[in-house]
Amino acid sequence: MAGNFVRDLTIRQLRALSAVNAAGSITAAANQLNLTQPAVTLQLRNLQTLAGLPLIQRTGEGMALTDAGAHVLALVERIEAAMLDCEQSLDLIAGRSGGRVSMGAVSTAKYFVPFAIAAFSRKFPKVDVSLRIGNRADIRDALRGYDLDIAVMGAPPADLEVEMRPLGRHPHYIVAAADHRLSRRRHVEPSELANETFITREVGSGTRMLMEQYFEKMRLAPKIGMAMDSNETIKQAVMAGLGIAFISQHTVFHELEDGRLVVLKVKGLPVIRQWHAIRRADKILLPPAQAMLDFLGKEGWRYLPNTR
């Protein structure tokens, strides 16, 4: 190849080739680029010299790309896309432009994700962030269907290739009303819960699955009283004395602080999981969504309830 293709290649040369391919003639390409015909011809000649191969040829229907020209045109498209992405990123960083980010979070994460979004919005006020809350199945399906840029959840769907950014620890305990018979015990054996009624999340939720795994490990079958699709309703039911609950500590943080609920000190607990910000590996994120993913990866842990 004559010359150094990478070193001497210019955007003007590539755009001249792209314009000729789109317009079908050098004259039409010159009009499209706001250049003279000799200027476009010179750019094409220089590009072909760098390539060391003919890139265009005359046909009965006008100018057409050769095989080598088609390869170079693919390069043009990738470079133009990368330049646009860079421009959008710079505008975003400088605060000159906005954009949209579509987020999803499992319902247990609603106790901290809005605070993370608020902090992100203060940094990037022109970016519009939408948040969808649902159970694990809902968010998994939305992620699988490309509806979400980012999902905040524990474990990702097993059938998807994803990129994950860890956010922090996610402890799960068994909680009870403050006057529960086991509330003051320093140690509780799992077998002592055999006659307790459990208020649980619906089948298929992440918390329910984690509870079932814990009791399977302990070789116990918990007595299920009511299944609910709301952590808030579960908390109210437990505080009313209708049963106890295996639940994320993040969902009962305030109730534990003010003494309306207590953690039962059961052997094998807490069960610790991790929060993650997740995106499909094959989903291309625009700069606003990439900025959110990077923000969550670096700063997301700050907005988790203090569970020490």
C-alpha atoms as a PDB file:
ATOM      1  CA  MET A   1       0.000   0.000   0.000  1.00  0.00           C
ATOM      2  CA  ALA A   2       1.460   3.354  -1.039  1.00  0.00           C
ATOM      3  CA  GLY A   3       1.931   5.773   1.836  1.00  0.00           C
ATOM      4  CA  ASN A   4       0.701   5.289   5.387  1.00  0.00           C
ATOM      5  CA  PHE A   5      -3.049   4.740   5.263  1.00  0.00           C
ATOM      6  CA  VAL A   6      -3.693   5.289   8.971  1.00  0.00           C
ATOM      7  CA  ARG A   7      -1.305   8.225   9.318  1.00  0.00           C
ATOM      8  CA  ASP A   8      -2.382  10.217   6.249  1.00  0.00           C
ATOM      9  CA  LEU A   9      -6.076   9.385   6.016  1.00  0.00           C
ATOM     10  CA  THR A  10      -8.406  12.399   6.461  1.00  0.00           C
ATOM     11  CA  ILE A  11     -12.097  12.840   7.232  1.00  0.00           C
ATOM     12  CA  ARG A  12     -12.492  14.958   4.078  1.00  0.00           C
ATOM     13  CA  GLN A  13     -11.291  12.070   1.925  1.00  0.00           C
ATOM     14  CA  LEU A  14     -13.682   9.626   3.563  1.00  0.00           C
ATOM     15  CA  ARG A  15     -16.628  12.002   3.304  1.00  0.00           C
ATOM     16  CA  ALA A  16     -15.877  12.553  -0.375  1.00  0.00           C
ATOM     17  CA  LEU A  17     -16.093   8.811  -0.993  1.00  0.00           C
ATOM     18  CA  SER A  18     -19.331   8.561   1.024  1.00  0.00           C
ATOM     19  CA  ALA A  19     -20.882  11.475  -0.876  1.00  0.00           C
ATOM     20  CA  VAL A  20     -20.005  10.040  -4.296  1.00  0.00           C
ATOM     21  CA  ASN A  21     -21.505   6.697  -3.280  1.00  0.00           C
ATOM     22  CA  ALA A  22     -24.711   8.373  -2.084  1.00  0.00           C
ATOM     23  CA  ALA A  23     -25.052  10.887  -4.967  1.00  0.00           C
ATOM     24  CA  GLY A  24     -23.860   8.665  -7.831  1.00  0.00           C
ATOM     25  CA  SER A  25     -21.573  11.259  -9.416  1.00  0.00           C
ATOM     26  CA  ILE A  26     -18.712  13.576  -8.536  1.00  0.00           C
ATOM     27  CA  THR A  27     -20.709  16.641  -9.579  1.00  0.00           C
ATOM     28  CA  ALA A  28     -23.653  15.768  -7.337  1.00  0.00           C
ATOM     29  CA  ALA A  29     -21.267  14.897  -4.499  1.00  0.00           C
ATOM     30  CA  ALA A  30     -19.547  18.266  -4.866  1.00  0.00           C
ATOM     31  CA  ASN A  31     -22.907  20.037  -4.543  1.00  0.00           C
ATOM     32  CA  GLN A  32     -23.766  17.949  -1.497  1.00  0.00           C
ATOM     33  CA  LEU A  33     -20.455  18.753   0.181  1.00  0.00           C
ATOM     34  CA  ASN A  34     -20.434  22.420  -0.848  1.00  0.00           C
ATOM     35  CA  LEU A  35     -17.141  21.902  -2.671  1.00  0.00           C
ATOM     36  CA  THR A  36     -15.946  22.282  -6.248  1.00  0.00           C
ATOM     37  CA  GLN A  37     -15.785  19.248  -8.510  1.00  0.00           C
ATOM     38  CA  PRO A  38     -11.945  19.392  -8.738  1.00  0.00           C
ATOM     39  CA  ALA A  39     -11.738  19.464  -4.932  1.00  0.00           C
ATOM     40  CA  VAL A  40     -13.794  16.276  -4.617  1.00  0.00           C
ATOM     41  CA  THR A  41     -11.792  14.615  -7.391  1.00  0.00           C
ATOM     42  CA  LEU A  42      -8.548  15.487  -5.581  1.00  0.00           C
ATOM     43  CA  GLN A  43      -9.815  14.004  -2.275  1.00  0.00           C
ATOM     44  CA  LEU A  44     -10.794  10.785  -4.037  1.00  0.00           C
ATOM     45  CA  ARG A  45      -7.490  10.553  -5.883  1.00  0.00           C
ATOM     46  CA  ASN A  46      -5.523  11.007  -2.646  1.00  0.00           C
ATOM     47  CA  LEU A  47      -7.668   8.407  -0.882  1.00  0.00           C
ATOM     48  CA  GLN A  48      -7.161   5.855  -3.662  1.00  0.00           C
ATOM     49  CA  THR A  49      -3.416   6.523  -3.584  1.00  0.00           C
ATOM     50  CA  LEU A  50      -3.381   5.792   0.165  1.00  0.00           C
ATOM     51  CA  ALA A  51      -5.444   2.632  -0.311  1.00  0.00           C
ATOM     52  CA  GLY A  52      -3.332   1.445  -3.221  1.00  0.00           C
ATOM     53  CA  LEU A  53      -6.490   0.134  -4.888  1.00  0.00           C
ATOM     54  CA  PRO A  54      -9.285   1.603  -7.013  1.00  0.00           C
ATOM     55  CA  LEU A  55     -12.198   2.531  -4.756  1.00  0.00           C
ATOM     56  CA  ILE A  56     -14.735   3.729  -7.378  1.00  0.00           C
ATOM     57  CA  GLN A  57     -15.503   2.850 -10.967  1.00  0.00           C
ATOM     58  CA  ARG A  58     -17.691   4.276 -13.706  1.00  0.00           C
ATOM     59  CA  THR A  59     -20.729   2.258 -14.727  1.00  0.00           C
ATOM     60  CA  GLY A  60     -23.647   2.864 -17.035  1.00  0.00           C
ATOM     61  CA  GLU A  61     -25.606   4.105 -14.029  1.00  0.00           C
ATOM     62  CA  GLY A  62     -22.915   6.383 -12.646  1.00  0.00           C
ATOM     63  CA  MET A  63     -20.100   5.983 -10.135  1.00  0.00           C
ATOM     64  CA  ALA A  64     -20.073   2.778  -8.057  1.00  0.00           C
ATOM     65  CA  LEU A  65     -17.849   1.450  -5.308  1.00  0.00           C
ATOM     66  CA  THR A  66     -15.424  -1.390  -5.886  1.00  0.00           C
ATOM     67  CA  ASP A  67     -15.072  -4.106  -3.240  1.00  0.00           C
ATOM     68  CA  ALA A  68     -12.197  -2.137  -1.731  1.00  0.00           C
ATOM     69  CA  GLY A  69     -14.351   0.997  -1.776  1.00  0.00           C
ATOM     70  CA  ALA A  70     -17.140  -0.810   0.075  1.00  0.00           C
ATOM     71  CA  HIS A  71     -14.682  -1.755   2.837  1.00  0.00           C
ATOM     72  CA  VAL A  72     -13.528   1.847   3.162  1.00  0.00           C
ATOM     73  CA  LEU A  73     -17.152   3.063   3.211  1.00  0.00           C
ATOM     74  CA  ALA A  74     -17.842   0.772   6.197  1.00  0.00           C
ATOM     75  CA  LEU A  75     -14.938   2.507   7.922  1.00  0.00           C
ATOM     76  CA  VAL A  76     -16.533   5.896   7.162  1.00  0.00           C
ATOM     77  CA  GLU A  77     -19.778   4.852   8.816  1.00  0.00           C
ATOM     78  CA  ARG A  78     -18.028   3.634  11.960  1.00  0.00           C
ATOM     79  CA  ILE A  79     -15.919   6.787  12.218  1.00  0.00           C
ATOM     80  CA  GLU A  80     -18.926   9.065  11.732  1.00  0.00           C
ATOM     81  CA  ALA A  81     -20.831   7.171  14.442  1.00  0.00           C
ATOM     82  CA  ALA A  82     -17.868   7.399  16.818  1.00  0.00           C
ATOM     83  CA  MET A  83     -17.506  11.122  16.170  1.00  0.00           C
ATOM     84  CA  LEU A  84     -21.212  11.691  16.834  1.00  0.00           C
ATOM     85  CA  ASP A  85     -20.973   9.706  20.053  1.00  0.00           C
ATOM     86  CA  CYS A  86     -17.954  11.770  21.118  1.00  0.00           C
ATOM     87  CA  GLU A  87     -19.757  15.020  20.317  1.00  0.00           C
ATOM     88  CA  GLN A  88     -22.795  13.962  22.349  1.00  0.00           C
ATOM     89  CA  SER A  89     -20.574  12.929  25.258  1.00  0.00           C
ATOM     90  CA  LEU A  90     -18.766  16.281  25.265  1.00  0.00           C
ATOM     91  CA  ASP A  91     -22.063  18.154  25.112  1.00  0.00           C
ATOM     92  CA  LEU A  92     -23.390  16.075  27.967  1.00  0.00           C
ATOM     93  CA  ILE A  93     -20.303  16.664  30.113  1.00  0.00           C
ATOM     94  CA  ALA A  94     -20.420  20.382  29.366  1.00  0.00           C
ATOM     95  CA  GLY A  95     -24.114  20.521  30.202  1.00  0.00           C
ATOM     96  CA  ARG A  96     -25.047  21.798  26.741  1.00  0.00           C
ATOM     97  CA  SER A  97     -27.430  18.985  25.916  1.00  0.00           C
ATOM     98  CA  GLY A  98     -29.696  16.432  27.513  1.00  0.00           C
ATOM     99  CA  GLY A  99     -31.055  13.075  26.586  1.00  0.00           C
ATOM    100  CA  ARG A 100     -33.073  10.262  28.056  1.00  0.00           C
ATOM    101  CA  VAL A 101     -32.229   7.295  30.245  1.00  0.00           C
ATOM    102  CA  SER A 102     -34.683   4.453  30.749  1.00  0.00           C
ATOM    103  CA  MET A 103     -34.126   2.701  34.074  1.00  0.00           C
ATOM    104  CA  GLY A 104     -35.799  -0.186  35.807  1.00  0.00           C
ATOM    105  CA  ALA A 105     -35.481  -1.385  39.387  1.00  0.00           C
ATOM    106  CA  VAL A 106     -36.894  -4.285  41.348  1.00  0.00           C
ATOM    107  CA  SER A 107     -39.357  -3.084  43.961  1.00  0.00           C
ATOM    108  CA  THR A 108     -36.948  -3.617  46.859  1.00  0.00           C
ATOM    109  CA  ALA A 109     -34.560  -1.113  45.244  1.00  0.00           C
ATOM    110  CA  LYS A 110     -37.132   1.705  45.268  1.00  0.00           C
ATOM    111  CA  TYR A 111     -35.904   2.646  48.735  1.00  0.00           C
ATOM    112  CA  PHE A 112     -32.598   3.968  47.408  1.00  0.00           C
ATOM    113  CA  VAL A 113     -32.633   4.231  43.593  1.00  0.00           C
ATOM    114  CA  PRO A 114     -34.620   7.531  43.535  1.00  0.00           C
ATOM    115  CA  PHE A 115     -31.930   9.137  45.712  1.00  0.00           C
ATOM    116  CA  ALA A 116     -29.220   8.012  43.284  1.00  0.00           C
ATOM    117  CA  ILE A 117     -31.240   9.382  40.352  1.00  0.00           C
ATOM    118  CA  ALA A 118     -31.690  12.704  42.156  1.00  0.00           C
ATOM    119  CA  ALA A 119     -27.924  12.988  42.667  1.00  0.00           C
ATOM    120  CA  PHE A 120     -27.291  12.147  38.998  1.00  0.00           C
ATOM    121  CA  SER A 121     -29.872  14.743  37.918  1.00  0.00           C
ATOM    122  CA  ARG A 122     -28.119  17.439  39.926  1.00  0.00           C
ATOM    123  CA  LYS A 123     -24.943  16.645  38.000  1.00  0.00           C
ATOM    124  CA  PHE A 124     -26.703  16.341  34.600  1.00  0.00           C
ATOM    125  CA  PRO A 125     -29.845  18.498  34.908  1.00  0.00           C
ATOM    126  CA  LYS A 126     -30.768  18.270  31.218  1.00  0.00           C
ATOM    127  CA  VAL A 127     -30.965  14.468  31.166  1.00  0.00           C
ATOM    128  CA  ASP A 128     -34.469  13.042  31.556  1.00  0.00           C
ATOM    129  CA  VAL A 129     -34.477   9.829  33.598  1.00  0.00           C
ATOM    130  CA  SER A 130     -37.502   7.544  33.624  1.00  0.00           C
ATOM    131  CA  LEU A 131     -37.792   4.862  36.316  1.00  0.00           C
ATOM    132  CA  ARG A 132     -39.886   1.706  36.116  1.00  0.00           C
ATOM    133  CA  ILE A 133     -40.454  -0.277  39.318  1.00  0.00           C
ATOM    134  CA  GLY A 134     -41.521  -3.915  39.158  1.00  0.00           C
ATOM    135  CA  ASN A 135     -40.887  -7.342  40.553  1.00  0.00           C
ATOM    136  CA  ARG A 136     -37.939  -9.408  39.401  1.00  0.00           C
ATOM    137  CA  ALA A 137     -39.867 -11.024  36.539  1.00  0.00           C
ATOM    138  CA  ASP A 138     -41.095  -7.640  35.238  1.00  0.00           C
ATOM    139  CA  ILE A 139     -37.635  -6.072  35.212  1.00  0.00           C
ATOM    140  CA  ARG A 140     -36.026  -9.194  33.768  1.00  0.00           C
ATOM    141  CA  ASP A 141     -38.505  -9.217  30.879  1.00  0.00           C
ATOM    142  CA  ALA A 142     -38.031  -5.482  30.234  1.00  0.00           C
ATOM    143  CA  LEU A 143     -34.261  -5.943  30.165  1.00  0.00           C
ATOM    144  CA  ARG A 144     -34.578  -8.913  27.839  1.00  0.00           C
ATOM    145  CA  GLY A 145     -36.812  -6.888  25.493  1.00  0.00           C
ATOM    146  CA  TYR A 146     -34.366  -3.953  25.210  1.00  0.00           C
ATOM    147  CA  ASP A 147     -36.911  -1.659  26.932  1.00  0.00           C
ATOM    148  CA  LEU A 148     -34.401  -0.582  29.589  1.00  0.00           C
ATOM    149  CA  ASP A 149     -30.987   1.000  29.340  1.00  0.00           C
ATOM    150  CA  ILE A 150     -30.122  -0.014  32.914  1.00  0.00           C
ATOM    151  CA  ALA A 151     -31.711  -2.268  35.521  1.00  0.00           C
ATOM    152  CA  VAL A 152     -30.966  -2.214  39.243  1.00  0.00           C
ATOM    153  CA  MET A 153     -31.402  -5.668  40.731  1.00  0.00           C
ATOM    154  CA  GLY A 154     -29.512  -8.473  42.429  1.00  0.00           C
ATOM    155  CA  ALA A 155     -28.696 -11.381  40.159  1.00  0.00           C
ATOM    156  CA  PRO A 156     -29.087 -10.828  36.400  1.00  0.00           C
ATOM    157  CA  PRO A 157     -31.293 -13.018  34.180  1.00  0.00           C
ATOM    158  CA  ALA A 158     -29.459 -16.283  33.626  1.00  0.00           C
ATOM    159  CA  ASP A 159     -30.117 -16.329  29.876  1.00  0.00           C
ATOM    160  CA  LEU A 160     -28.667 -12.887  29.076  1.00  0.00           C
ATOM    161  CA  GLU A 161     -25.108 -11.730  28.546  1.00  0.00           C
ATOM    162  CA  VAL A 162     -24.812  -8.566  30.618  1.00  0.00           C
ATOM    163  CA  GLU A 163     -22.413  -5.971  31.947  1.00  0.00           C
ATOM    164  CA  MET A 164     -22.744  -5.453  35.693  1.00  0.00           C
ATOM    165  CA  ARG A 165     -21.542  -2.723  38.041  1.00  0.00           C
ATOM    166  CA  PRO A 166     -21.649  -3.710  41.749  1.00  0.00           C
ATOM    167  CA  LEU A 167     -23.376  -1.182  44.017  1.00  0.00           C
ATOM    168  CA  GLY A 168     -23.084  -2.697  47.473  1.00  0.00           C
ATOM    169  CA  ARG A 169     -24.271  -5.230  50.040  1.00  0.00           C
ATOM    170  CA  HIS A 170     -27.900  -6.280  50.277  1.00  0.00           C
ATOM    171  CA  PRO A 171     -28.666  -8.009  53.622  1.00  0.00           C
ATOM    172  CA  HIS A 172     -31.833 -10.041  54.282  1.00  0.00           C
ATOM    173  CA  TYR A 173     -33.182 -10.788  57.781  1.00  0.00           C
ATOM    174  CA  ILE A 174     -36.275 -12.123  59.460  1.00  0.00           C
ATOM    175  CA  VAL A 175     -38.174  -9.315  61.171  1.00  0.00           C
ATOM    176  CA  ALA A 176     -41.013  -9.290  63.673  1.00  0.00           C
ATOM    177  CA  ALA A 177     -43.128  -6.880  65.671  1.00  0.00           C
ATOM    178  CA  ALA A 178     -41.352  -5.295  68.623  1.00  0.00           C
ATOM    179  CA  ASP A 179     -43.377  -7.337  71.143  1.00  0.00           C
ATOM    180  CA  HIS A 180     -42.826 -10.697  69.443  1.00  0.00           C
ATOM    181  CA  ARG A 181     -42.010 -13.584  71.793  1.00  0.00           C
ATOM    182  CA  LEU A 182     -38.547 -14.035  70.212  1.00  0.00           C
ATOM    183  CA  SER A 183     -37.675 -10.342  69.901  1.00  0.00           C
ATOM    184  CA  ARG A 184     -35.378 -10.244  72.952  1.00  0.00           C
ATOM    185  CA  ARG A 185     -33.656 -13.548  72.369  1.00  0.00           C
ATOM    186  CA  ARG A 186     -29.912 -13.348  71.649  1.00  0.00           C
ATOM    187  CA  HIS A 187     -29.967 -16.547  69.566  1.00  0.00           C
ATOM    188  CA  VAL A 188     -32.849 -18.164  67.703  1.00  0.00           C
ATOM    189  CA  GLU A 189     -32.643 -21.581  66.082  1.00  0.00           C
ATOM    190  CA  PRO A 190     -34.363 -21.877  62.684  1.00  0.00           C
ATOM    191  CA  SER A 191     -36.402 -24.812  64.032  1.00  0.00           C
ATOM    192  CA  GLU A 192     -38.044 -22.430  66.515  1.00  0.00           C
ATOM    193  CA  LEU A 193     -39.747 -20.703  63.575  1.00  0.00           C
ATOM    194  CA  ALA A 194     -41.606 -23.849  62.488  1.00  0.00           C
ATOM    195  CA  ASN A 195     -44.887 -22.704  64.032  1.00  0.00           C
ATOM    196  CA  GLU A 196     -44.550 -19.057  62.996  1.00  0.00           C
ATOM    197  CA  THR A 197     -46.650 -17.605  60.213  1.00  0.00           C
ATOM    198  CA  PHE A 198     -44.657 -15.924  57.440  1.00  0.00           C
ATOM    199  CA  ILE A 199     -45.895 -12.924  55.500  1.00  0.00           C
ATOM    200  CA  THR A 200     -44.080 -13.159  52.163  1.00  0.00           C
ATOM    201  CA  ARG A 201     -43.628 -11.625  48.750  1.00  0.00           C
ATOM    202  CA  GLU A 202     -45.312 -13.218  45.746  1.00  0.00           C
ATOM    203  CA  VAL A 203     -43.938 -16.364  44.124  1.00  0.00           C
ATOM    204  CA  GLY A 204     -41.172 -15.477  41.662  1.00  0.00           C
ATOM    205  CA  SER A 205     -39.969 -12.366  43.477  1.00  0.00           C
ATOM    206  CA  GLY A 206     -36.281 -12.197  44.329  1.00  0.00           C
ATOM    207  CA  THR A 207     -36.958 -12.007  48.077  1.00  0.00           C
ATOM    208  CA  ARG A 208     -39.300 -15.002  47.985  1.00  0.00           C
ATOM    209  CA  MET A 209     -36.739 -17.052  46.063  1.00  0.00           C
ATOM    210  CA  LEU A 210     -34.012 -16.125  48.546  1.00  0.00           C
ATOM    211  CA  MET A 211     -36.271 -17.073  51.490  1.00  0.00           C
ATOM    212  CA  GLU A 212     -37.051 -20.449  49.908  1.00  0.00           C
ATOM    213  CA  GLN A 213     -33.332 -21.108  49.346  1.00  0.00           C
ATOM    214  CA  TYR A 214     -32.564 -20.256  52.986  1.00  0.00           C
ATOM    215  CA  PHE A 215     -35.210 -22.581  54.406  1.00  0.00           C
ATOM    216  CA  GLU A 216     -34.267 -25.358  51.992  1.00  0.00           C
ATOM    217  CA  LYS A 217     -30.716 -25.071  53.287  1.00  0.00           C
ATOM    218  CA  MET A 218     -32.064 -25.270  56.848  1.00  0.00           C
ATOM    219  CA  ARG A 219     -34.305 -28.230  55.865  1.00  0.00           C
ATOM    220  CA  LEU A 220     -37.426 -26.438  57.032  1.00  0.00           C
ATOM    221  CA  ALA A 221     -40.752 -25.657  55.375  1.00  0.00           C
ATOM    222  CA  PRO A 222     -42.026 -22.257  56.539  1.00  0.00           C
ATOM    223  CA  LYS A 223     -45.733 -21.806  57.228  1.00  0.00           C
ATOM    224  CA  ILE A 224     -46.934 -19.247  54.677  1.00  0.00           C
ATOM    225  CA  GLY A 225     -49.770 -17.042  55.815  1.00  0.00           C
ATOM    226  CA  MET A 226     -50.195 -14.363  53.158  1.00  0.00           C
ATOM    227  CA  ALA A 227     -48.332 -13.552  49.958  1.00  0.00           C
ATOM    228  CA  MET A 228     -48.208  -9.880  48.990  1.00  0.00           C
ATOM    229  CA  ASP A 229     -46.699  -7.945  46.093  1.00  0.00           C
ATOM    230  CA  SER A 230     -45.800  -4.946  48.254  1.00  0.00           C
ATOM    231  CA  ASN A 231     -43.088  -4.618  50.885  1.00  0.00           C
ATOM    232  CA  GLU A 232     -45.077  -1.798  52.473  1.00  0.00           C
ATOM    233  CA  THR A 233     -48.075  -4.080  53.035  1.00  0.00           C
ATOM    234  CA  ILE A 234     -45.809  -6.784  54.437  1.00  0.00           C
ATOM    235  CA  LYS A 235     -44.323  -4.325  56.925  1.00  0.00           C
ATOM    236  CA  GLN A 236     -47.749  -3.192  58.084  1.00  0.00           C
ATOM    237  CA  ALA A 237     -48.913  -6.804  58.484  1.00  0.00           C
ATOM    238  CA  VAL A 238     -45.855  -7.714  60.560  1.00  0.00           C
ATOM    239  CA  MET A 239     -46.202  -4.624  62.763  1.00  0.00           C
ATOM    240  CA  ALA A 240     -49.850  -5.579  63.319  1.00  0.00           C
ATOM    241  CA  GLY A 241     -48.748  -8.981  64.617  1.00  0.00           C
ATOM    242  CA  LEU A 242     -50.106 -11.070  61.735  1.00  0.00           C
ATOM    243  CA  GLY A 243     -46.793 -12.879  61.288  1.00  0.00           C
ATOM    244  CA  ILE A 244     -43.075 -12.469  60.680  1.00  0.00           C
ATOM    245  CA  ALA A 245     -41.219 -11.846  57.416  1.00  0.00           C
ATOM    246  CA  PHE A 246     -38.011 -12.690  55.618  1.00  0.00           C
ATOM    247  CA  ILE A 247     -37.232  -9.334  54.035  1.00  0.00           C
ATOM    248  CA  SER A 248     -34.525  -7.009  52.717  1.00  0.00           C
ATOM    249  CA  GLN A 249     -33.089  -4.865  55.483  1.00  0.00           C
ATOM    250  CA  HIS A 250     -33.175  -1.907  53.098  1.00  0.00           C
ATOM    251  CA  THR A 251     -36.974  -2.029  53.000  1.00  0.00           C
ATOM    252  CA  VAL A 252     -37.340  -1.866  56.817  1.00  0.00           C
ATOM    253  CA  PHE A 253     -34.478   0.482  57.609  1.00  0.00           C
ATOM    254  CA  HIS A 254     -36.628   3.223  59.168  1.00  0.00           C
ATOM    255  CA  GLU A 255     -38.918   0.810  61.026  1.00  0.00           C
ATOM    256  CA  LEU A 256     -35.892  -0.851  62.621  1.00  0.00           C
ATOM    257  CA  GLU A 257     -34.411   2.512  63.566  1.00  0.00           C
ATOM    258  CA  ASP A 258     -37.531   3.696  65.388  1.00  0.00           C
ATOM    259  CA  GLY A 259     -38.284   0.327  66.999  1.00  0.00           C
ATOM    260  CA  ARG A 260     -41.514  -0.575  65.206  1.00  0.00           C
ATOM    261  CA  LEU A 261     -39.843  -3.740  63.927  1.00  0.00           C
ATOM    262  CA  VAL A 262     -36.993  -5.858  65.278  1.00  0.00           C
ATOM    263  CA  VAL A 263     -34.561  -8.279  63.670  1.00  0.00           C
ATOM    264  CA  LEU A 264     -34.802 -11.817  64.993  1.00  0.00           C
ATOM    265  CA  LYS A 265     -31.294 -13.159  65.603  1.00  0.00           C
ATOM    266  CA  VAL A 266     -31.765 -16.382  63.668  1.00  0.00           C
ATOM    267  CA  LYS A 267     -28.905 -18.745  62.907  1.00  0.00           C
ATOM    268  CA  GLY A 268     -27.634 -18.414  59.325  1.00  0.00           C
ATOM    269  CA  LEU A 269     -28.830 -14.834  58.904  1.00  0.00           C
ATOM    270  CA  PRO A 270     -28.367 -12.347  57.444  1.00  0.00           C
ATOM    271  CA  VAL A 271     -28.261 -13.694  53.917  1.00  0.00           C
ATOM    272  CA  ILE A 272     -26.077 -11.246  52.019  1.00  0.00           C
ATOM    273  CA  ARG A 273     -26.555 -10.527  48.344  1.00  0.00           C
ATOM    274  CA  GLN A 274     -25.181  -7.743  46.151  1.00  0.00           C
ATOM    275  CA  TRP A 275     -26.966  -4.953  44.333  1.00  0.00           C
ATOM    276  CA  HIS A 276     -25.932  -4.413  40.710  1.00  0.00           C
ATOM    277  CA  ALA A 277     -26.562  -1.923  37.928  1.00  0.00           C
ATOM    278  CA  ILE A 278     -27.012  -4.100  34.848  1.00  0.00           C
ATOM    279  CA  ARG A 279     -27.256  -3.561  31.110  1.00  0.00           C
ATOM    280  CA  ARG A 280     -27.531  -5.972  28.215  1.00  0.00           C
ATOM    281  CA  ALA A 281     -24.062  -6.486  26.765  1.00  0.00           C
ATOM    282  CA  ASP A 282     -25.407  -6.133  23.232  1.00  0.00           C
ATOM    283  CA  LYS A 283     -27.387  -2.950  23.878  1.00  0.00           C
ATOM    284  CA  ILE A 284     -25.583   0.183  22.732  1.00  0.00           C
ATOM    285  CA  LEU A 285     -25.900   2.901  25.354  1.00  0.00           C
ATOM    286  CA  LEU A 286     -26.089   6.513  24.244  1.00  0.00           C
ATOM    287  CA  PRO A 287     -23.933   8.949  26.223  1.00  0.00           C
ATOM    288  CA  PRO A 288     -26.618   9.859  28.832  1.00  0.00           C
ATOM    289  CA  ALA A 289     -27.259   6.201  29.684  1.00  0.00           C
ATOM    290  CA  GLN A 290     -23.526   5.432  29.742  1.00  0.00           C
ATOM    291  CA  ALA A 291     -23.032   8.396  32.080  1.00  0.00           C
ATOM    292  CA  MET A 292     -25.712   6.980  34.394  1.00  0.00           C
ATOM    293  CA  LEU A 293     -24.146   3.502  34.366  1.00  0.00           C
ATOM    294  CA  ASP A 294     -20.722   4.986  35.172  1.00  0.00           C
ATOM    295  CA  PHE A 295     -22.249   7.144  37.914  1.00  0.00           C
ATOM    296  CA  LEU A 296     -23.970   4.185  39.564  1.00  0.00           C
ATOM    297  CA  GLY A 297     -20.794   2.126  39.377  1.00  0.00           C
ATOM    298  CA  LYS A 298     -18.774   4.831  41.125  1.00  0.00           C
ATOM    299  CA  GLU A 299     -21.335   6.528  43.387  1.00  0.00           C
ATOM    300  CA  GLY A 300     -24.308   4.177  43.745  1.00  0.00           C
ATOM    301  CA  TRP A 301     -23.124   2.693  47.036  1.00  0.00           C
ATOM    302  CA  ARG A 302     -23.519   6.095  48.719  1.00  0.00           C
ATOM    303  CA  TYR A 303     -27.322   5.901  48.477  1.00  0.00           C
ATOM    304  CA  LEU A 304     -27.794   2.495  50.055  1.00  0.00           C
ATOM    305  CA  PRO A 305     -29.332   2.625  53.544  1.00  0.00           C
ATOM    306  CA  ASN A 306     -26.749   2.295  56.287  1.00  0.00           C
ATOM    307  CA  THR A 307     -27.002  -1.358  57.295  1.00  0.00           C
ATOM    308  CA  ARG A 308     -24.105  -1.674  59.693  1.00  0.00           C
END
